Amino acid sequence: MAARKPKPIDFIYVGSPQVDLRFLSLCLMSLLTGMEMDIFTPSFPELMGAFSITIEQVQLTLSLNFVAYALSTLWIGPLAERFNSRNITLLSLCVFITGSIFCYIAPTFETLLVGRVLQGLGMSGPNVLSYAIVYEHYPNSRESYMGILNGVGAVTMGAAPVLGSYLNLWFGWRASFLTLLILSLICFALSIKYLPKHDRPRKIKASLGLNTYIPLFKSKKFLWPAAVTLSISVCYFVFVGLAPIFYREDLHVSLEHFGMYQGALAASFGVMSFCSGMLYKKFGKEECFKISIKLYALLGIIAGLYGFILPTNPLVLTLILIGSSMACAMPINITYAIAMGAVDGAAARASGMLVAMRLVFSAAGLQVIAHFYDHTYLPLAVMIGAEAFLAWGIARKIVVRD
């Protein structure tokens, strides 16, 4: 009698197939990615005081991290396609762990920046390759599983400011980086045990030069969905990057309430991402995409006009943006999957390029908006309204098939 294959441990998710421990490991890496972005941002005012730095200088902790993140992703995809996703993920986590140690012990602002750069270099592997592994190993549920990964990351982003706020209140700003260090060590241990040891065989080994990305940029099937994914993501990250200053310093929101506002914004995206698989199944991906992108554009334009018409109320603004976050969840999950499948055998490269472009544009956007920031909502309003209209216009060129 043949031995029975061990049954994986599953968790319940409405509208999704059962998920094994491999996918749970990928979800934990998405959790780490969400934490890395947002857990320490509530400490911006404390960092400014501790190191005697300006708003533009404290933004470097995000901008330099984004740039390092982006540069490393340019090689993560080709390296994974040549040397195996598991090996590159483990190496990346080692770099991230080193960066977390630097941030935790940082005696100077320069040491903190070095740590943030190392965290950016190390975070690219887990973030990029978790989506590539899903694309290759879960072909029948790609959009749903990517929705779960996005949902985990977004819910974590929602929880991270709340957690970061209380860690800052109780233990100081260093506690956030200690939390990242502990979580990255857990991810490293689980990745050793559960990540697949072999990728799908490829006929051609990817080149390690940047010319390996040329087929992606020649493909309209990659460019249009990538443009929608990037425009929505960049707008969100720029807003989140400036939110600690805008909410706390200019709208006079308390540290505790700021965490709740930011948490609700990210959690709304996460909830809709978790539900996306069920909605695709019931209404079809094409119909979900058309309705959600129109709703996202409408709410984004309303959020933009709000900056010109009425005095900024943090609760009203957050409620509008919560609706916008929920509306953009399905378009991002769908366009991400379409872009990754645009060129055969290039899923890891496509994922890496999407992350790289998102981070470069986010870093540039942060510095530009920070430069024009006049301690009012107006610069952010212009960005949000213009991006919503742009995303809707580009989305009309994308063909979504069920």
Protein backbone atom coordinates (compact mmCIF):
# COMPACT_ATOMS: atom_id res chain seq x y z
CA MET A 1 0.00 0.00 0.00
CA ALA A 2 1.36 3.41 -1.01
CA ALA A 3 2.14 5.81 1.80
CA ARG A 4 -0.36 8.63 2.18
CA LYS A 5 0.87 12.10 1.45
CA PRO A 6 0.88 14.18 4.66
CA LYS A 7 -1.97 16.67 4.75
CA PRO A 8 -0.78 20.26 5.13
CA ILE A 9 -1.96 22.38 8.02
CA ASP A 10 -4.55 24.78 6.64
CA PHE A 11 -6.20 28.00 7.74
CA ILE A 12 -9.68 29.18 6.82
CA TYR A 13 -10.13 31.95 4.25
CA VAL A 14 -13.47 32.77 2.68
CA GLY A 15 -13.37 32.39 -1.11
CA SER A 16 -9.88 30.90 -1.27
CA PRO A 17 -8.52 27.38 -1.63
CA GLN A 18 -6.84 25.86 1.39
CA VAL A 19 -3.37 27.17 2.06
CA ASP A 20 -0.37 25.08 3.12
CA LEU A 21 2.57 25.94 5.34
CA ARG A 22 4.59 27.11 2.35
CA PHE A 23 2.06 29.84 1.72
CA LEU A 24 1.86 30.67 5.41
CA SER A 25 5.64 31.32 5.27
CA LEU A 26 5.10 33.69 2.35
CA CYS A 27 2.37 35.47 4.33
CA LEU A 28 4.79 36.02 7.21
CA MET A 29 7.23 37.64 4.79
CA SER A 30 4.45 39.96 3.65
CA LEU A 31 3.84 40.73 7.31
CA LEU A 32 7.52 41.66 7.70
CA THR A 33 7.31 43.85 4.58
CA GLY A 34 4.32 45.72 6.01
CA MET A 35 6.04 46.21 9.35
CA GLU A 36 9.26 47.45 7.74
CA MET A 37 7.46 50.25 5.96
CA ASP A 38 5.30 51.68 8.73
CA ILE A 39 6.19 50.59 12.25
CA PHE A 40 8.69 53.36 12.95
CA THR A 41 7.00 56.29 11.14
CA PRO A 42 5.05 57.41 14.25
CA SER A 43 8.49 58.03 15.81
CA PHE A 44 9.42 60.70 13.25
CA PRO A 45 8.99 63.63 15.69
CA GLU A 46 11.05 61.75 18.31
CA LEU A 47 13.78 60.99 15.75
CA MET A 48 13.87 64.66 14.78
CA GLY A 49 14.39 65.58 18.43
CA ALA A 50 16.87 62.78 19.24
CA PHE A 51 19.19 63.55 16.32
CA SER A 52 18.39 67.29 15.84
CA ILE A 53 17.31 66.87 12.22
CA THR A 54 14.75 68.52 9.90
CA ILE A 55 11.63 67.16 8.17
CA GLU A 56 13.53 66.61 4.93
CA GLN A 57 16.31 64.78 6.77
CA VAL A 58 13.98 62.44 8.64
CA GLN A 59 12.31 61.61 5.32
CA LEU A 60 15.66 60.16 4.24
CA THR A 61 14.97 57.17 6.50
CA LEU A 62 12.20 56.31 4.03
CA SER A 63 13.69 57.66 0.80
CA LEU A 64 17.11 55.98 1.09
CA ASN A 65 15.41 52.77 2.17
CA PHE A 66 13.19 52.94 -0.93
CA VAL A 67 16.15 53.60 -3.24
CA ALA A 68 18.19 50.70 -1.80
CA TYR A 69 15.10 48.52 -2.00
CA ALA A 70 14.58 49.50 -5.64
CA LEU A 71 18.19 49.02 -6.74
CA SER A 72 18.42 45.56 -5.21
CA THR A 73 15.19 44.44 -6.85
CA LEU A 74 16.76 44.99 -10.27
CA TRP A 75 18.93 41.93 -9.63
CA ILE A 76 16.68 39.90 -7.33
CA GLY A 77 14.53 38.54 -10.19
CA PRO A 78 17.40 37.43 -12.47
CA LEU A 79 19.34 36.03 -9.48
CA ALA A 80 16.32 34.02 -8.37
CA GLU A 81 15.71 32.70 -11.88
CA ARG A 82 19.33 31.59 -12.05
CA PHE A 83 20.14 30.46 -8.48
CA ASN A 84 16.72 29.55 -6.99
CA SER A 85 14.19 31.75 -5.20
CA ARG A 86 14.72 30.08 -1.83
CA ASN A 87 18.48 30.73 -1.73
CA ILE A 88 18.15 34.38 -2.71
CA THR A 89 15.35 34.91 -0.18
CA LEU A 90 17.49 33.51 2.65
CA LEU A 91 20.45 35.69 1.64
CA SER A 92 18.21 38.76 1.53
CA LEU A 93 16.85 38.04 5.00
CA CYS A 94 20.43 37.86 6.34
CA VAL A 95 21.10 41.36 4.99
CA PHE A 96 17.85 42.64 6.51
CA ILE A 97 18.73 41.17 9.90
CA THR A 98 22.09 42.97 9.80
CA GLY A 99 20.38 46.26 8.93
CA SER A 100 17.90 45.84 11.79
CA ILE A 101 20.80 45.45 14.23
CA PHE A 102 22.36 48.70 12.94
CA CYS A 103 19.04 50.56 13.35
CA TYR A 104 18.49 49.24 16.86
CA ILE A 105 21.93 50.20 18.19
CA ALA A 106 22.27 53.43 16.12
CA PRO A 107 24.25 56.01 18.16
CA THR A 108 24.06 58.57 15.34
CA PHE A 109 21.67 59.49 12.54
CA GLU A 110 24.24 58.32 9.99
CA THR A 111 24.30 54.84 11.56
CA LEU A 112 20.50 54.75 11.43
CA LEU A 113 20.60 55.62 7.72
CA VAL A 114 23.11 52.81 7.07
CA GLY A 115 20.78 50.41 8.82
CA ARG A 116 17.79 51.61 6.79
CA VAL A 117 19.76 51.14 3.56
CA LEU A 118 20.64 47.57 4.56
CA GLN A 119 17.01 46.90 5.48
CA GLY A 120 16.00 48.13 2.03
CA LEU A 121 18.57 45.93 0.31
CA GLY A 122 17.46 42.91 2.32
CA MET A 123 13.71 43.41 2.08
CA SER A 124 13.59 43.21 -1.71
CA GLY A 125 14.06 39.42 -1.80
CA PRO A 126 11.18 38.41 0.48
CA ASN A 127 8.83 40.98 -1.06
CA VAL A 128 9.57 40.29 -4.72
CA LEU A 129 10.00 36.53 -4.55
CA SER A 130 6.94 35.79 -2.42
CA TYR A 131 4.81 36.92 -5.39
CA ALA A 132 6.98 35.02 -7.86
CA ILE A 133 6.64 31.82 -5.82
CA VAL A 134 2.86 32.28 -5.73
CA TYR A 135 2.78 32.85 -9.49
CA GLU A 136 4.73 29.67 -10.19
CA HIS A 137 3.41 27.29 -7.53
CA TYR A 138 -0.27 28.34 -7.33
CA PRO A 139 -1.23 28.80 -11.02
CA ASN A 140 -4.98 28.27 -10.51
CA SER A 141 -5.41 30.84 -7.75
CA ARG A 142 -2.84 33.53 -8.51
CA GLU A 143 -5.05 36.60 -8.12
CA SER A 144 -6.70 35.27 -4.96
CA TYR A 145 -3.40 34.31 -3.35
CA MET A 146 -1.79 37.61 -4.35
CA GLY A 147 -4.81 39.26 -2.79
CA ILE A 148 -4.07 37.41 0.44
CA LEU A 149 -0.42 38.51 0.35
CA ASN A 150 -1.47 42.10 -0.32
CA GLY A 151 -4.09 41.80 2.39
CA VAL A 152 -1.59 40.54 4.95
CA GLY A 153 0.82 43.31 4.03
CA ALA A 154 -1.88 45.98 4.16
CA VAL A 155 -3.41 44.79 7.44
CA THR A 156 0.10 44.74 8.86
CA MET A 157 0.63 48.28 7.60
CA GLY A 158 -2.59 49.16 9.38
CA ALA A 159 -1.44 47.55 12.60
CA ALA A 160 2.15 48.76 12.34
CA PRO A 161 1.50 52.46 13.10
CA VAL A 162 -0.66 51.46 16.08
CA LEU A 163 1.98 49.06 17.35
CA GLY A 164 4.74 51.56 16.57
CA SER A 165 2.92 54.32 18.42
CA TYR A 166 2.65 52.28 21.61
CA LEU A 167 6.16 50.89 21.35
CA ASN A 168 7.37 54.46 21.02
CA LEU A 169 5.31 55.61 24.01
CA TRP A 170 6.36 52.72 26.27
CA PHE A 171 9.93 51.90 25.23
CA GLY A 172 11.18 54.62 22.86
CA TRP A 173 11.86 54.64 19.12
CA ARG A 174 14.43 51.81 19.24
CA ALA A 175 11.74 49.29 20.18
CA SER A 176 10.29 49.38 16.65
CA PHE A 177 13.58 48.24 15.15
CA LEU A 178 13.98 45.52 17.77
CA THR A 179 10.55 44.23 16.73
CA LEU A 180 11.68 44.10 13.09
CA LEU A 181 14.82 42.22 14.11
CA ILE A 182 12.86 39.55 15.99
CA LEU A 183 10.31 39.14 13.19
CA SER A 184 13.01 38.82 10.52
CA LEU A 185 14.72 36.06 12.51
CA ILE A 186 11.42 34.15 12.67
CA CYS A 187 10.94 34.56 8.90
CA PHE A 188 14.47 33.28 8.29
CA ALA A 189 13.85 30.13 10.34
CA LEU A 190 10.51 29.38 8.63
CA SER A 191 11.93 30.06 5.17
CA ILE A 192 14.67 27.47 5.69
CA LYS A 193 12.06 24.85 6.50
CA TYR A 194 9.15 25.62 4.18
CA LEU A 195 10.19 27.50 1.04
CA PRO A 196 10.32 25.29 -2.09
CA LYS A 197 13.81 24.00 -2.83
CA HIS A 198 13.25 23.92 -6.60
CA ASP A 199 11.75 26.44 -9.00
CA ARG A 200 9.94 25.64 -12.23
CA PRO A 201 12.47 24.51 -14.89
CA ARG A 202 13.29 27.17 -17.49
CA LYS A 203 14.53 26.70 -21.02
CA ILE A 204 16.70 29.82 -20.85
CA LYS A 205 18.64 31.02 -17.83
CA ALA A 206 18.06 34.71 -17.10
CA SER A 207 20.94 37.09 -17.75
CA LEU A 208 22.20 39.08 -14.76
CA GLY A 209 22.51 42.25 -16.86
CA LEU A 210 19.83 44.92 -16.97
CA ASN A 211 19.14 44.03 -20.61
CA THR A 212 17.16 41.08 -19.25
CA TYR A 213 14.33 43.55 -18.63
CA ILE A 214 14.09 44.71 -22.25
CA PRO A 215 11.38 42.15 -23.19
CA LEU A 216 9.18 43.52 -20.38
CA PHE A 217 9.42 47.11 -21.60
CA LYS A 218 8.65 46.01 -25.15
CA SER A 219 5.43 44.38 -24.01
CA LYS A 220 2.27 46.48 -23.73
CA LYS A 221 0.79 43.58 -21.78
CA PHE A 222 3.31 44.48 -19.08
CA LEU A 223 3.43 48.26 -19.38
CA TRP A 224 -0.27 49.15 -19.05
CA PRO A 225 -1.09 47.00 -16.00
CA ALA A 226 2.25 47.98 -14.47
CA ALA A 227 1.34 51.67 -14.87
CA VAL A 228 -1.94 51.21 -12.98
CA THR A 229 -0.27 49.22 -10.21
CA LEU A 230 2.48 51.79 -9.83
CA SER A 231 0.37 54.93 -9.90
CA ILE A 232 -1.91 53.66 -7.11
CA SER A 233 0.95 52.30 -4.98
CA VAL A 234 3.15 55.39 -5.27
CA CYS A 235 0.32 57.72 -4.32
CA TYR A 236 -0.38 55.66 -1.20
CA PHE A 237 3.26 55.47 -0.06
CA VAL A 238 3.86 59.19 -0.53
CA PHE A 239 0.78 59.99 1.54
CA VAL A 240 1.81 57.52 4.27
CA GLY A 241 5.33 58.97 4.30
CA LEU A 242 4.09 62.50 5.01
CA ALA A 243 1.12 61.53 7.18
CA PRO A 244 3.04 61.53 10.51
CA ILE A 245 3.96 65.19 10.04
CA PHE A 246 0.66 66.23 8.46
CA TYR A 247 -1.62 64.55 11.01
CA ARG A 248 0.42 65.04 14.17
CA GLU A 249 2.06 68.43 13.63
CA ASP A 250 -0.44 70.29 11.43
CA LEU A 251 -3.82 68.70 12.23
CA HIS A 252 -2.81 68.27 15.90
CA VAL A 253 -3.82 64.60 16.03
CA SER A 254 -2.53 62.76 19.11
CA LEU A 255 -0.05 59.91 18.72
CA GLU A 256 -2.66 57.35 19.77
CA HIS A 257 -5.31 58.67 17.37
CA PHE A 258 -2.80 58.95 14.53
CA GLY A 259 -2.09 55.25 14.79
CA MET A 260 -5.81 54.51 14.57
CA TYR A 261 -6.31 56.73 11.51
CA GLN A 262 -3.41 55.18 9.64
CA GLY A 263 -4.39 51.73 10.79
CA ALA A 264 -7.94 52.10 9.48
CA LEU A 265 -6.64 53.31 6.12
CA ALA A 266 -4.36 50.32 5.53
CA ALA A 267 -6.71 47.78 7.13
CA SER A 268 -9.51 48.77 4.74
CA PHE A 269 -7.31 47.82 1.80
CA GLY A 270 -6.40 44.57 3.53
CA VAL A 271 -9.99 43.57 4.21
CA MET A 272 -10.97 44.08 0.58
CA SER A 273 -7.89 42.16 -0.59
CA PHE A 274 -8.86 39.21 1.60
CA CYS A 275 -12.37 39.27 0.14
CA SER A 276 -11.24 39.64 -3.47
CA GLY A 277 -11.13 35.90 -4.19
CA MET A 278 -14.75 35.49 -3.18
CA LEU A 279 -15.80 38.50 -5.29
CA TYR A 280 -13.89 37.27 -8.36
CA LYS A 281 -15.64 33.95 -8.09
CA LYS A 282 -19.10 35.49 -7.75
CA PHE A 283 -18.95 38.39 -10.24
CA GLY A 284 -15.91 37.64 -12.42
CA LYS A 285 -12.56 39.44 -12.53
CA GLU A 286 -13.51 41.59 -15.51
CA GLU A 287 -16.63 43.03 -13.86
CA CYS A 288 -14.86 43.52 -10.52
CA PHE A 289 -12.05 45.39 -12.25
CA LYS A 290 -14.32 47.74 -14.17
CA ILE A 291 -16.49 48.68 -11.19
CA SER A 292 -13.67 49.03 -8.65
CA ILE A 293 -11.41 51.20 -10.85
CA LYS A 294 -14.28 53.61 -11.55
CA LEU A 295 -15.11 53.84 -7.85
CA TYR A 296 -11.44 54.39 -7.01
CA ALA A 297 -11.17 57.23 -9.53
CA LEU A 298 -14.35 58.89 -8.24
CA LEU A 299 -13.30 58.77 -4.58
CA GLY A 300 -9.76 59.89 -5.42
CA ILE A 301 -11.04 62.94 -7.28
CA ILE A 302 -13.36 63.73 -4.35
CA ALA A 303 -10.38 63.48 -1.97
CA GLY A 304 -8.46 65.85 -4.25
CA LEU A 305 -11.27 68.41 -4.49
CA TYR A 306 -11.70 68.29 -0.71
CA GLY A 307 -8.37 70.09 -0.38
CA PHE A 308 -9.70 73.06 -2.36
CA ILE A 309 -13.21 73.35 -0.90
CA LEU A 310 -13.35 72.71 2.84
CA PRO A 311 -11.05 73.02 5.87
CA THR A 312 -9.26 69.73 6.48
CA ASN A 313 -10.86 67.54 9.12
CA PRO A 314 -8.74 64.42 9.86
CA LEU A 315 -11.78 62.17 10.37
CA VAL A 316 -13.56 63.26 7.18
CA LEU A 317 -10.39 62.98 5.10
CA THR A 318 -9.60 59.53 6.49
CA LEU A 319 -13.13 58.27 5.76
CA ILE A 320 -12.85 59.37 2.12
CA LEU A 321 -9.45 57.72 1.78
CA ILE A 322 -10.71 54.51 3.40
CA GLY A 323 -13.25 54.19 0.59
CA SER A 324 -10.52 54.87 -1.96
CA SER A 325 -8.26 52.22 -0.38
CA MET A 326 -10.99 49.60 -0.51
CA ALA A 327 -11.77 50.41 -4.15
CA CYS A 328 -8.16 50.04 -5.33
CA ALA A 329 -7.55 46.59 -3.80
CA MET A 330 -8.96 44.52 -6.66
CA PRO A 331 -7.42 46.56 -9.50
CA ILE A 332 -3.96 46.22 -7.95
CA ASN A 333 -4.25 42.45 -7.43
CA ILE A 334 -5.50 41.92 -10.99
CA THR A 335 -3.02 44.20 -12.75
CA TYR A 336 -0.10 42.78 -10.74
CA ALA A 337 -0.91 39.24 -11.89
CA ILE A 338 -1.40 40.36 -15.52
CA ALA A 339 1.96 42.16 -15.52
CA MET A 340 3.79 39.15 -14.08
CA GLY A 341 2.44 36.89 -16.82
CA ALA A 342 3.11 39.30 -19.69
CA VAL A 343 6.38 37.59 -20.72
CA ASP A 344 6.69 33.82 -20.39
CA GLY A 345 9.20 32.69 -17.77
CA ALA A 346 9.79 36.22 -16.45
CA ALA A 347 7.53 36.32 -13.38
CA ALA A 348 10.38 37.03 -10.93
CA ARG A 349 11.82 39.74 -13.17
CA ALA A 350 8.42 41.35 -13.64
CA SER A 351 7.78 41.31 -9.89
CA GLY A 352 11.21 42.80 -9.25
CA MET A 353 10.74 45.55 -11.81
CA LEU A 354 7.34 46.47 -10.38
CA VAL A 355 8.78 46.78 -6.89
CA ALA A 356 11.83 48.70 -8.13
CA MET A 357 9.79 51.25 -10.04
CA ARG A 358 7.32 51.63 -7.19
CA LEU A 359 10.08 52.40 -4.71
CA VAL A 360 12.05 54.76 -6.98
CA PHE A 361 8.93 56.76 -7.82
CA SER A 362 7.85 56.72 -4.16
CA ALA A 363 11.24 58.04 -3.05
CA ALA A 364 11.15 60.78 -5.68
CA GLY A 365 7.55 61.61 -4.86
CA LEU A 366 8.29 61.87 -1.15
CA GLN A 367 11.08 64.36 -1.72
CA VAL A 368 9.08 66.41 -4.22
CA ILE A 369 5.97 66.64 -2.03
CA ALA A 370 8.14 67.30 1.06
CA HIS A 371 9.78 70.18 -0.83
CA PHE A 372 6.44 71.76 -1.75
CA TYR A 373 4.76 70.87 1.52
CA ASP A 374 3.33 74.04 3.08
CA HIS A 375 1.82 72.43 6.20
CA THR A 376 -1.60 72.16 4.51
CA TYR A 377 -3.42 69.34 2.75
CA LEU A 378 -3.28 71.11 -0.63
CA PRO A 379 -0.10 69.50 -2.09
CA LEU A 380 -1.37 66.05 -1.10
CA ALA A 381 -4.82 66.83 -2.51
CA VAL A 382 -3.35 67.72 -5.92
CA MET A 383 -1.36 64.47 -5.97
CA ILE A 384 -4.29 62.25 -4.94
CA GLY A 385 -6.80 63.76 -7.37
CA ALA A 386 -4.43 63.76 -10.34
CA GLU A 387 -3.33 60.17 -9.73
CA ALA A 388 -6.91 58.88 -9.47
CA PHE A 389 -7.77 60.38 -12.86
CA LEU A 390 -4.54 59.00 -14.37
CA ALA A 391 -5.17 55.47 -13.07
CA TRP A 392 -8.69 55.43 -14.49
CA GLY A 393 -7.45 56.61 -17.90
CA ILE A 394 -4.74 53.96 -18.15
CA ALA A 395 -7.01 51.18 -16.86
CA ARG A 396 -9.26 51.63 -19.89
CA LYS A 397 -6.46 50.18 -22.06
CA ILE A 398 -6.23 46.94 -20.06
CA VAL A 399 -8.07 43.78 -21.09
CA VAL A 400 -9.07 41.59 -18.14
CA ARG A 401 -10.24 38.04 -18.83
CA ASP A 402 -11.97 35.72 -16.37
